[in-house]
Amino acid sequence: RTREELLRVFEAEADAKRQKAQALIDSMVRLKKELARFKLSYDCL
């Protein structure tokens, strides 16, 4: 029972790490898109 509970804890930690990494990737992609749009507008001006 203890082994099974530890396995669940490890799986939950891994899921949390994956979610954090995905959130960071999403933020990075959003920033890159906005920066590219901003650069285009700025370069035109």
All heavy atoms as atom14 arrays in JSON, in Angstrom:
{
  "sequence": "RTREELLRVFEAEADAKRQKAQALIDSMVRLKKELARFKLSYDCL",
  "atom14_mask": [
    [1, 1, 1, 1, 1, 1, 1, 1, 1, 1, 1, 0, 0, 0],
    [1, 1, 1, 1, 1, 1, 1, 0, 0, 0, 0, 0, 0, 0],
    [1, 1, 1, 1, 1, 1, 1, 1, 1, 1, 1, 0, 0, 0],
    [1, 1, 1, 1, 1, 1, 1, 1, 1, 0, 0, 0, 0, 0],
    [1, 1, 1, 1, 1, 1, 1, 1, 1, 0, 0, 0, 0, 0],
    [1, 1, 1, 1, 1, 1, 1, 1, 0, 0, 0, 0, 0, 0],
    [1, 1, 1, 1, 1, 1, 1, 1, 0, 0, 0, 0, 0, 0],
    [1, 1, 1, 1, 1, 1, 1, 1, 1, 1, 1, 0, 0, 0],
    [1, 1, 1, 1, 1, 1, 1, 0, 0, 0, 0, 0, 0, 0],
    [1, 1, 1, 1, 1, 1, 1, 1, 1, 1, 1, 0, 0, 0],
    [1, 1, 1, 1, 1, 1, 1, 1, 1, 0, 0, 0, 0, 0],
    [1, 1, 1, 1, 1, 0, 0, 0, 0, 0, 0, 0, 0, 0],
    [1, 1, 1, 1, 1, 1, 1, 1, 1, 0, 0, 0, 0, 0],
    [1, 1, 1, 1, 1, 0, 0, 0, 0, 0, 0, 0, 0, 0],
    [1, 1, 1, 1, 1, 1, 1, 1, 0, 0, 0, 0, 0, 0],
    [1, 1, 1, 1, 1, 0, 0, 0, 0, 0, 0, 0, 0, 0],
    [1, 1, 1, 1, 1, 1, 1, 1, 1, 0, 0, 0, 0, 0],
    [1, 1, 1, 1, 1, 1, 1, 1, 1, 1, 1, 0, 0, 0],
    [1, 1, 1, 1, 1, 1, 1, 1, 1, 0, 0, 0, 0, 0],
    [1, 1, 1, 1, 1, 1, 1, 1, 1, 0, 0, 0, 0, 0],
    [1, 1, 1, 1, 1, 0, 0, 0, 0, 0, 0, 0, 0, 0],
    [1, 1, 1, 1, 1, 1, 1, 1, 1, 0, 0, 0, 0, 0],
    [1, 1, 1, 1, 1, 0, 0, 0, 0, 0, 0, 0, 0, 0],
    [1, 1, 1, 1, 1, 1, 1, 1, 0, 0, 0, 0, 0, 0],
    [1, 1, 1, 1, 1, 1, 1, 1, 0, 0, 0, 0, 0, 0],
    [1, 1, 1, 1, 1, 1, 1, 1, 0, 0, 0, 0, 0, 0],
    [1, 1, 1, 1, 1, 1, 0, 0, 0, 0, 0, 0, 0, 0],
    [1, 1, 1, 1, 1, 1, 1, 1, 0, 0, 0, 0, 0, 0],
    [1, 1, 1, 1, 1, 1, 1, 0, 0, 0, 0, 0, 0, 0],
    [1, 1, 1, 1, 1, 1, 1, 1, 1, 1, 1, 0, 0, 0],
    [1, 1, 1, 1, 1, 1, 1, 1, 0, 0, 0, 0, 0, 0],
    [1, 1, 1, 1, 1, 1, 1, 1, 1, 0, 0, 0, 0, 0],
    [1, 1, 1, 1, 1, 1, 1, 1, 1, 0, 0, 0, 0, 0],
    [1, 1, 1, 1, 1, 1, 1, 1, 1, 0, 0, 0, 0, 0],
    [1, 1, 1, 1, 1, 1, 1, 1, 0, 0, 0, 0, 0, 0],
    [1, 1, 1, 1, 1, 0, 0, 0, 0, 0, 0, 0, 0, 0],
    [1, 1, 1, 1, 1, 1, 1, 1, 1, 1, 1, 0, 0, 0],
    [1, 1, 1, 1, 1, 1, 1, 1, 1, 1, 1, 0, 0, 0],
    [1, 1, 1, 1, 1, 1, 1, 1, 1, 0, 0, 0, 0, 0],
    [1, 1, 1, 1, 1, 1, 1, 1, 0, 0, 0, 0, 0, 0],
    [1, 1, 1, 1, 1, 1, 0, 0, 0, 0, 0, 0, 0, 0],
    [1, 1, 1, 1, 1, 1, 1, 1, 1, 1, 1, 1, 0, 0],
    [1, 1, 1, 1, 1, 1, 1, 1, 0, 0, 0, 0, 0, 0],
    [1, 1, 1, 1, 1, 1, 0, 0, 0, 0, 0, 0, 0, 0],
    [1, 1, 1, 1, 1, 1, 1, 1, 0, 0, 0, 0, 0, 0]
  ],
  "atom14_positions": [
    [[0.84, -1.2, 0.0], [0.0, 0.0, 0.0], [0.88, 1.26, 0.0], [0.61, 2.21, -0.73], [-0.92, -0.01, 1.22], [-2.04, 0.98, 1.12], [-3.05, 0.86, 2.23], [-3.11, -0.49, 2.77], [-3.42, -0.8, 4.02], [-3.71, 0.15, 4.88], [-3.45, -2.04, 4.44], [0.0, 0.0, 0.0], [0.0, 0.0, 0.0], [0.0, 0.0, 0.0]],
    [[1.93, 1.25, 0.79], [2.85, 2.38, 0.84], [3.54, 2.58, -0.5], [3.67, 3.71, -0.99], [3.9, 2.17, 1.95], [3.25, 1.98, 3.2], [4.85, 3.34, 2.05], [0.0, 0.0, 0.0], [0.0, 0.0, 0.0], [0.0, 0.0, 0.0], [0.0, 0.0, 0.0], [0.0, 0.0, 0.0], [0.0, 0.0, 0.0], [0.0, 0.0, 0.0]],
    [[3.94, 1.49, -1.13], [4.59, 1.57, -2.44], [3.64, 2.17, -3.47], [4.01, 3.02, -4.28], [5.06, 0.19, -2.88], [5.93, 0.19, -4.13], [6.24, -1.22, -4.61], [5.09, -1.92, -5.11], [4.53, -1.71, -6.3], [5.02, -0.8, -7.11], [3.48, -2.4, -6.7], [0.0, 0.0, 0.0], [0.0, 0.0, 0.0], [0.0, 0.0, 0.0]],
    [[2.38, 1.73, -3.45], [1.39, 2.25, -4.39], [1.14, 3.74, -4.17], [1.03, 4.51, -5.13], [0.08, 1.48, -4.26], [0.15, 0.06, -4.79], [-1.09, -0.76, -4.46], [-2.01, -0.23, -3.79], [-1.13, -1.94, -4.86], [0.0, 0.0, 0.0], [0.0, 0.0, 0.0], [0.0, 0.0, 0.0], [0.0, 0.0, 0.0], [0.0, 0.0, 0.0]],
    [[1.08, 4.15, -2.91], [0.87, 5.57, -2.6], [2.06, 6.41, -3.05], [1.89, 7.5, -3.58], [0.6, 5.76, -1.11], [-0.72, 5.21, -0.64], [-1.91, 5.85, -1.33], [-1.88, 7.07, -1.58], [-2.87, 5.12, -1.63], [0.0, 0.0, 0.0], [0.0, 0.0, 0.0], [0.0, 0.0, 0.0], [0.0, 0.0, 0.0], [0.0, 0.0, 0.0]],
    [[3.26, 5.91, -2.84], [4.46, 6.62, -3.3], [4.46, 6.76, -4.82], [4.83, 7.8, -5.36], [5.72, 5.91, -2.84], [6.18, 6.21, -1.43], [7.36, 5.31, -1.04], [6.58, 7.66, -1.27], [0.0, 0.0, 0.0], [0.0, 0.0, 0.0], [0.0, 0.0, 0.0], [0.0, 0.0, 0.0], [0.0, 0.0, 0.0], [0.0, 0.0, 0.0]],
    [[4.05, 5.71, -5.5], [3.97, 5.75, -6.95], [2.99, 6.83, -7.4], [3.27, 7.6, -8.33], [3.55, 4.38, -7.5], [3.54, 4.22, -9.0], [4.92, 4.48, -9.58], [3.08, 2.82, -9.37], [0.0, 0.0, 0.0], [0.0, 0.0, 0.0], [0.0, 0.0, 0.0], [0.0, 0.0, 0.0], [0.0, 0.0, 0.0], [0.0, 0.0, 0.0]],
    [[1.85, 6.94, -6.72], [0.88, 7.98, -7.04], [1.46, 9.37, -6.81], [1.23, 10.29, -7.59], [-0.39, 7.8, -6.21], [-1.26, 6.67, -6.7], [-2.63, 6.69, -6.03], [-3.22, 5.38, -6.17], [-3.53, 4.57, -5.16], [-3.33, 4.95, -3.92], [-4.06, 3.39, -5.39], [0.0, 0.0, 0.0], [0.0, 0.0, 0.0], [0.0, 0.0, 0.0]],
    [[2.21, 9.52, -5.72], [2.83, 10.81, -5.43], [3.84, 11.17, -6.52], [3.86, 12.3, -7.01], [3.51, 10.79, -4.04], [4.42, 12.01, -3.85], [2.48, 10.72, -2.93], [0.0, 0.0, 0.0], [0.0, 0.0, 0.0], [0.0, 0.0, 0.0], [0.0, 0.0, 0.0], [0.0, 0.0, 0.0], [0.0, 0.0, 0.0], [0.0, 0.0, 0.0]],
    [[4.67, 10.21, -6.92], [5.65, 10.46, -7.97], [4.97, 10.82, -9.29], [5.42, 11.7, -10.02], [6.58, 9.26, -8.16], [7.48, 9.0, -6.99], [7.86, 7.71, -6.69], [7.95, 10.03, -6.18], [8.7, 7.44, -5.61], [8.78, 9.78, -5.11], [9.16, 8.48, -4.81], [0.0, 0.0, 0.0], [0.0, 0.0, 0.0], [0.0, 0.0, 0.0]],
    [[3.87, 10.13, -9.62], [3.13, 10.45, -10.84], [2.54, 11.85, -10.78], [2.57, 12.59, -11.76], [2.04, 9.41, -11.07], [2.56, 8.05, -11.49], [1.47, 6.98, -11.54], [0.33, 7.25, -11.1], [1.77, 5.87, -12.01], [0.0, 0.0, 0.0], [0.0, 0.0, 0.0], [0.0, 0.0, 0.0], [0.0, 0.0, 0.0], [0.0, 0.0, 0.0]],
    [[2.02, 12.22, -9.62], [1.45, 13.56, -9.46], [2.53, 14.63, -9.6], [2.31, 15.67, -10.23], [0.75, 13.68, -8.11], [0.0, 0.0, 0.0], [0.0, 0.0, 0.0], [0.0, 0.0, 0.0], [0.0, 0.0, 0.0], [0.0, 0.0, 0.0], [0.0, 0.0, 0.0], [0.0, 0.0, 0.0], [0.0, 0.0, 0.0], [0.0, 0.0, 0.0]],
    [[3.7, 14.38, -9.02], [4.81, 15.33, -9.16], [5.24, 15.46, -10.61], [5.51, 16.57, -11.08], [5.99, 14.9, -8.3], [5.78, 15.1, -6.82], [6.94, 14.56, -5.97], [7.82, 13.85, -6.51], [6.95, 14.87, -4.77], [0.0, 0.0, 0.0], [0.0, 0.0, 0.0], [0.0, 0.0, 0.0], [0.0, 0.0, 0.0], [0.0, 0.0, 0.0]],
    [[5.3, 14.34, -11.31], [5.69, 14.39, -12.73], [4.66, 15.16, -13.54], [5.02, 15.96, -14.42], [5.86, 12.97, -13.27], [0.0, 0.0, 0.0], [0.0, 0.0, 0.0], [0.0, 0.0, 0.0], [0.0, 0.0, 0.0], [0.0, 0.0, 0.0], [0.0, 0.0, 0.0], [0.0, 0.0, 0.0], [0.0, 0.0, 0.0], [0.0, 0.0, 0.0]],
    [[3.38, 14.94, -13.26], [2.33, 15.69, -13.95], [2.44, 17.18, -13.69], [2.28, 18.0, -14.59], [0.94, 15.19, -13.53], [0.59, 13.84, -14.15], [1.24, 13.45, -15.14], [-0.34, 13.19, -13.63], [0.0, 0.0, 0.0], [0.0, 0.0, 0.0], [0.0, 0.0, 0.0], [0.0, 0.0, 0.0], [0.0, 0.0, 0.0], [0.0, 0.0, 0.0]],
    [[2.71, 17.53, -12.44], [2.84, 18.95, -12.08], [4.02, 19.57, -12.83], [3.91, 20.7, -13.34], [3.02, 19.1, -10.58], [0.0, 0.0, 0.0], [0.0, 0.0, 0.0], [0.0, 0.0, 0.0], [0.0, 0.0, 0.0], [0.0, 0.0, 0.0], [0.0, 0.0, 0.0], [0.0, 0.0, 0.0], [0.0, 0.0, 0.0], [0.0, 0.0, 0.0]],
    [[5.13, 18.85, -12.91], [6.3, 19.37, -13.64], [5.98, 19.55, -15.12], [6.38, 20.54, -15.74], [7.49, 18.44, -13.47], [8.12, 18.51, -12.1], [9.29, 17.56, -11.97], [9.89, 17.62, -10.58], [11.01, 16.69, -10.44], [0.0, 0.0, 0.0], [0.0, 0.0, 0.0], [0.0, 0.0, 0.0], [0.0, 0.0, 0.0], [0.0, 0.0, 0.0]],
    [[5.26, 18.58, -15.69], [4.88, 18.69, -17.11], [3.97, 19.9, -17.33], [4.12, 20.63, -18.31], [4.19, 17.42, -17.58], [5.14, 16.32, -17.98], [4.41, 15.19, -18.7], [3.51, 14.45, -17.83], [3.86, 13.43, -17.06], [5.12, 13.04, -17.04], [2.98, 12.81, -16.31], [0.0, 0.0, 0.0], [0.0, 0.0, 0.0], [0.0, 0.0, 0.0]],
    [[3.03, 20.11, -16.43], [2.12, 21.24, -16.56], [2.86, 22.57, -16.44], [2.58, 23.51, -17.19], [1.01, 21.15, -15.51], [0.03, 20.04, -15.78], [-0.97, 19.85, -14.65], [-0.89, 20.5, -13.61], [-1.93, 18.95, -14.85], [0.0, 0.0, 0.0], [0.0, 0.0, 0.0], [0.0, 0.0, 0.0], [0.0, 0.0, 0.0], [0.0, 0.0, 0.0]],
    [[3.82, 22.65, -15.52], [4.6, 23.88, -15.37], [5.42, 24.13, -16.63], [5.5, 25.26, -17.12], [5.53, 23.79, -14.17], [4.83, 23.96, -12.85], [5.82, 23.87, -11.7], [5.14, 23.97, -10.37], [6.09, 23.86, -9.24], [0.0, 0.0, 0.0], [0.0, 0.0, 0.0], [0.0, 0.0, 0.0], [0.0, 0.0, 0.0], [0.0, 0.0, 0.0]],
    [[6.04, 23.08, -17.15], [6.84, 23.23, -18.37], [5.96, 23.67, -19.54], [6.35, 24.54, -20.32], [7.56, 21.92, -18.7], [0.0, 0.0, 0.0], [0.0, 0.0, 0.0], [0.0, 0.0, 0.0], [0.0, 0.0, 0.0], [0.0, 0.0, 0.0], [0.0, 0.0, 0.0], [0.0, 0.0, 0.0], [0.0, 0.0, 0.0], [0.0, 0.0, 0.0]],
    [[4.77, 23.09, -19.63], [3.86, 23.47, -20.72], [3.41, 24.92, -20.58], [3.32, 25.65, -21.57], [2.64, 22.54, -20.75], [1.76, 22.75, -21.97], [2.49, 22.52, -23.26], [3.15, 21.51, -23.44], [2.38, 23.45, -24.19], [0.0, 0.0, 0.0], [0.0, 0.0, 0.0], [0.0, 0.0, 0.0], [0.0, 0.0, 0.0], [0.0, 0.0, 0.0]],
    [[3.16, 25.36, -19.35], [2.77, 26.75, -19.12], [3.92, 27.69, -19.52], [3.68, 28.74, -20.12], [2.4, 26.96, -17.67], [0.0, 0.0, 0.0], [0.0, 0.0, 0.0], [0.0, 0.0, 0.0], [0.0, 0.0, 0.0], [0.0, 0.0, 0.0], [0.0, 0.0, 0.0], [0.0, 0.0, 0.0], [0.0, 0.0, 0.0], [0.0, 0.0, 0.0]],
    [[5.15, 27.31, -19.2], [6.3, 28.13, -19.6], [6.44, 28.18, -21.12], [6.71, 29.24, -21.69], [7.58, 27.6, -18.95], [7.71, 27.83, -17.45], [8.92, 27.07, -16.91], [7.84, 29.31, -17.14], [0.0, 0.0, 0.0], [0.0, 0.0, 0.0], [0.0, 0.0, 0.0], [0.0, 0.0, 0.0], [0.0, 0.0, 0.0], [0.0, 0.0, 0.0]],
    [[6.24, 27.04, -21.76], [6.33, 27.0, -23.23], [5.25, 27.88, -23.84], [5.51, 28.65, -24.77], [6.21, 25.54, -23.73], [7.47, 24.76, -23.36], [5.98, 25.51, -25.24], [7.34, 23.26, -23.56], [0.0, 0.0, 0.0], [0.0, 0.0, 0.0], [0.0, 0.0, 0.0], [0.0, 0.0, 0.0], [0.0, 0.0, 0.0], [0.0, 0.0, 0.0]],
    [[4.01, 27.79, -23.3], [2.92, 28.62, -23.81], [3.24, 30.11, -23.66], [2.99, 30.9, -24.56], [1.61, 28.28, -23.1], [1.11, 26.89, -23.43], [1.58, 26.29, -24.42], [0.23, 26.39, -22.69], [0.0, 0.0, 0.0], [0.0, 0.0, 0.0], [0.0, 0.0, 0.0], [0.0, 0.0, 0.0], [0.0, 0.0, 0.0], [0.0, 0.0, 0.0]],
    [[3.79, 30.48, -22.51], [4.16, 31.88, -22.28], [5.23, 32.33, -23.26], [5.16, 33.43, -23.81], [4.69, 32.05, -20.86], [3.72, 31.78, -19.91], [0.0, 0.0, 0.0], [0.0, 0.0, 0.0], [0.0, 0.0, 0.0], [0.0, 0.0, 0.0], [0.0, 0.0, 0.0], [0.0, 0.0, 0.0], [0.0, 0.0, 0.0], [0.0, 0.0, 0.0]],
    [[6.2, 31.47, -23.48], [7.29, 31.79, -24.4], [6.74, 31.97, -25.83], [7.11, 32.93, -26.52], [8.32, 30.67, -24.36], [9.68, 31.05, -24.79], [10.93, 29.81, -24.4], [10.2, 28.3, -24.96], [0.0, 0.0, 0.0], [0.0, 0.0, 0.0], [0.0, 0.0, 0.0], [0.0, 0.0, 0.0], [0.0, 0.0, 0.0], [0.0, 0.0, 0.0]],
    [[5.87, 31.1, -26.24], [5.3, 31.18, -27.6], [4.48, 32.46, -27.75], [4.59, 33.17, -28.76], [4.45, 29.93, -27.9], [3.6, 30.11, -29.13], [5.34, 28.71, -28.04], [0.0, 0.0, 0.0], [0.0, 0.0, 0.0], [0.0, 0.0, 0.0], [0.0, 0.0, 0.0], [0.0, 0.0, 0.0], [0.0, 0.0, 0.0], [0.0, 0.0, 0.0]],
    [[3.67, 32.76, -26.73], [2.85, 33.97, -26.77], [3.74, 35.22, -26.87], [3.47, 36.13, -27.68], [1.98, 34.04, -25.51], [0.53, 34.17, -25.78], [-0.36, 34.3, -24.57], [0.18, 33.98, -23.26], [0.11, 32.78, -22.68], [-0.48, 31.79, -23.3], [0.6, 32.58, -21.48], [0.0, 0.0, 0.0], [0.0, 0.0, 0.0], [0.0, 0.0, 0.0]],
    [[4.78, 35.25, -26.05], [5.7, 36.4, -26.09], [6.38, 36.52, -27.46], [6.53, 37.63, -27.99], [6.76, 36.26, -25.01], [6.48, 36.9, -23.67], [7.57, 36.54, -22.67], [6.35, 38.39, -23.79], [0.0, 0.0, 0.0], [0.0, 0.0, 0.0], [0.0, 0.0, 0.0], [0.0, 0.0, 0.0], [0.0, 0.0, 0.0], [0.0, 0.0, 0.0]],
    [[6.81, 35.4, -28.01], [7.48, 35.43, -29.31], [6.54, 35.95, -30.4], [6.94, 36.75, -31.26], [7.99, 34.04, -29.69], [9.26, 33.66, -28.97], [9.75, 32.29, -29.42], [11.04, 31.9, -28.73], [11.54, 30.6, -29.2], [0.0, 0.0, 0.0], [0.0, 0.0, 0.0], [0.0, 0.0, 0.0], [0.0, 0.0, 0.0], [0.0, 0.0, 0.0]],
    [[5.28, 35.5, -30.38], [4.31, 35.96, -31.38], [4.07, 37.46, -31.25], [4.08, 38.19, -32.25], [2.98, 35.22, -31.22], [2.98, 33.82, -31.74], [1.61, 33.19, -31.55], [1.57, 31.75, -32.0], [0.25, 31.14, -31.77], [0.0, 0.0, 0.0], [0.0, 0.0, 0.0], [0.0, 0.0, 0.0], [0.0, 0.0, 0.0], [0.0, 0.0, 0.0]],
    [[3.84, 37.91, -30.02], [3.59, 39.34, -29.8], [4.81, 40.17, -30.19], [4.66, 41.24, -30.78], [3.21, 39.59, -28.34], [1.84, 39.08, -27.96], [0.72, 39.71, -28.78], [0.76, 40.92, -29.03], [-0.18, 38.96, -29.18], [0.0, 0.0, 0.0], [0.0, 0.0, 0.0], [0.0, 0.0, 0.0], [0.0, 0.0, 0.0], [0.0, 0.0, 0.0]],
    [[5.98, 39.68, -29.86], [7.2, 40.41, -30.21], [7.37, 40.48, -31.72], [7.75, 41.53, -32.26], [8.42, 39.75, -29.57], [9.75, 40.46, -29.79], [9.71, 41.86, -29.19], [10.89, 39.65, -29.2], [0.0, 0.0, 0.0], [0.0, 0.0, 0.0], [0.0, 0.0, 0.0], [0.0, 0.0, 0.0], [0.0, 0.0, 0.0], [0.0, 0.0, 0.0]],
    [[7.08, 39.4, -32.42], [7.2, 39.41, -33.88], [6.22, 40.42, -34.49], [6.6, 41.2, -35.4], [6.94, 38.02, -34.44], [0.0, 0.0, 0.0], [0.0, 0.0, 0.0], [0.0, 0.0, 0.0], [0.0, 0.0, 0.0], [0.0, 0.0, 0.0], [0.0, 0.0, 0.0], [0.0, 0.0, 0.0], [0.0, 0.0, 0.0], [0.0, 0.0, 0.0]],
    [[4.99, 40.44, -34.0], [4.0, 41.42, -34.49], [4.47, 42.86, -34.2], [4.37, 43.75, -35.05], [2.65, 41.19, -33.83], [1.9, 40.03, -34.38], [0.46, 40.01, -33.84], [0.0, 38.65, -33.85], [-0.52, 38.0, -32.83], [-0.7, 38.61, -31.68], [-0.92, 36.76, -32.95], [0.0, 0.0, 0.0], [0.0, 0.0, 0.0], [0.0, 0.0, 0.0]],
    [[4.96, 43.05, -32.98], [5.41, 44.38, -32.58], [6.58, 44.82, -33.45], [6.64, 45.97, -33.9], [5.81, 44.37, -31.1], [6.23, 45.7, -30.59], [5.29, 46.66, -30.25], [7.58, 46.01, -30.45], [5.68, 47.9, -29.78], [7.98, 47.25, -29.98], [7.02, 48.2, -29.65], [0.0, 0.0, 0.0], [0.0, 0.0, 0.0], [0.0, 0.0, 0.0]],
    [[7.52, 43.91, -33.69], [8.69, 44.26, -34.52], [8.27, 44.65, -35.94], [8.81, 45.59, -36.52], [9.66, 43.08, -34.59], [10.57, 42.96, -33.41], [11.53, 41.8, -33.64], [12.55, 41.65, -32.55], [13.46, 40.53, -32.81], [0.0, 0.0, 0.0], [0.0, 0.0, 0.0], [0.0, 0.0, 0.0], [0.0, 0.0, 0.0], [0.0, 0.0, 0.0]],
    [[7.29, 43.9, -36.49], [6.82, 44.24, -37.84], [6.24, 45.64, -37.88], [6.55, 46.44, -38.77], [5.77, 43.22, -38.31], [6.28, 41.86, -38.75], [5.12, 40.92, -39.04], [7.15, 42.02, -39.99], [0.0, 0.0, 0.0], [0.0, 0.0, 0.0], [0.0, 0.0, 0.0], [0.0, 0.0, 0.0], [0.0, 0.0, 0.0], [0.0, 0.0, 0.0]],
    [[5.39, 45.94, -36.91], [4.79, 47.27, -36.86], [5.85, 48.35, -36.66], [5.85, 49.39, -37.32], [3.77, 47.35, -35.72], [2.74, 46.43, -35.92], [0.0, 0.0, 0.0], [0.0, 0.0, 0.0], [0.0, 0.0, 0.0], [0.0, 0.0, 0.0], [0.0, 0.0, 0.0], [0.0, 0.0, 0.0], [0.0, 0.0, 0.0], [0.0, 0.0, 0.0]],
    [[6.75, 48.08, -35.75], [7.81, 49.06, -35.45], [8.71, 49.27, -36.66], [9.07, 50.41, -36.98], [8.62, 48.6, -34.24], [9.8, 49.48, -33.92], [9.62, 50.81, -33.58], [11.09, 48.98, -33.99], [10.7, 51.63, -33.3], [12.18, 49.79, -33.71], [11.98, 51.12, -33.36], [13.05, 51.92, -33.09], [0.0, 0.0, 0.0], [0.0, 0.0, 0.0]],
    [[9.08, 48.2, -37.34], [9.94, 48.34, -38.52], [9.25, 49.15, -39.62], [9.9, 49.97, -40.28], [10.34, 46.96, -39.05], [11.37, 46.27, -38.16], [12.02, 46.97, -37.36], [11.51, 45.03, -38.27], [0.0, 0.0, 0.0], [0.0, 0.0, 0.0], [0.0, 0.0, 0.0], [0.0, 0.0, 0.0], [0.0, 0.0, 0.0], [0.0, 0.0, 0.0]],
    [[7.95, 48.94, -39.8], [7.21, 49.73, -40.8], [7.22, 51.21, -40.43], [7.46, 52.07, -41.29], [5.76, 49.24, -40.9], [5.59, 47.66, -41.73], [0.0, 0.0, 0.0], [0.0, 0.0, 0.0], [0.0, 0.0, 0.0], [0.0, 0.0, 0.0], [0.0, 0.0, 0.0], [0.0, 0.0, 0.0], [0.0, 0.0, 0.0], [0.0, 0.0, 0.0]],
    [[6.96, 51.5, -39.16], [6.98, 52.9, -38.73], [8.37, 53.5, -38.83], [8.53, 54.66, -39.23], [6.47, 53.02, -37.29], [4.98, 52.77, -37.07], [4.66, 52.74, -35.59], [4.17, 53.86, -37.78], [0.0, 0.0, 0.0], [0.0, 0.0, 0.0], [0.0, 0.0, 0.0], [0.0, 0.0, 0.0], [0.0, 0.0, 0.0], [0.0, 0.0, 0.0]]
  ]
}
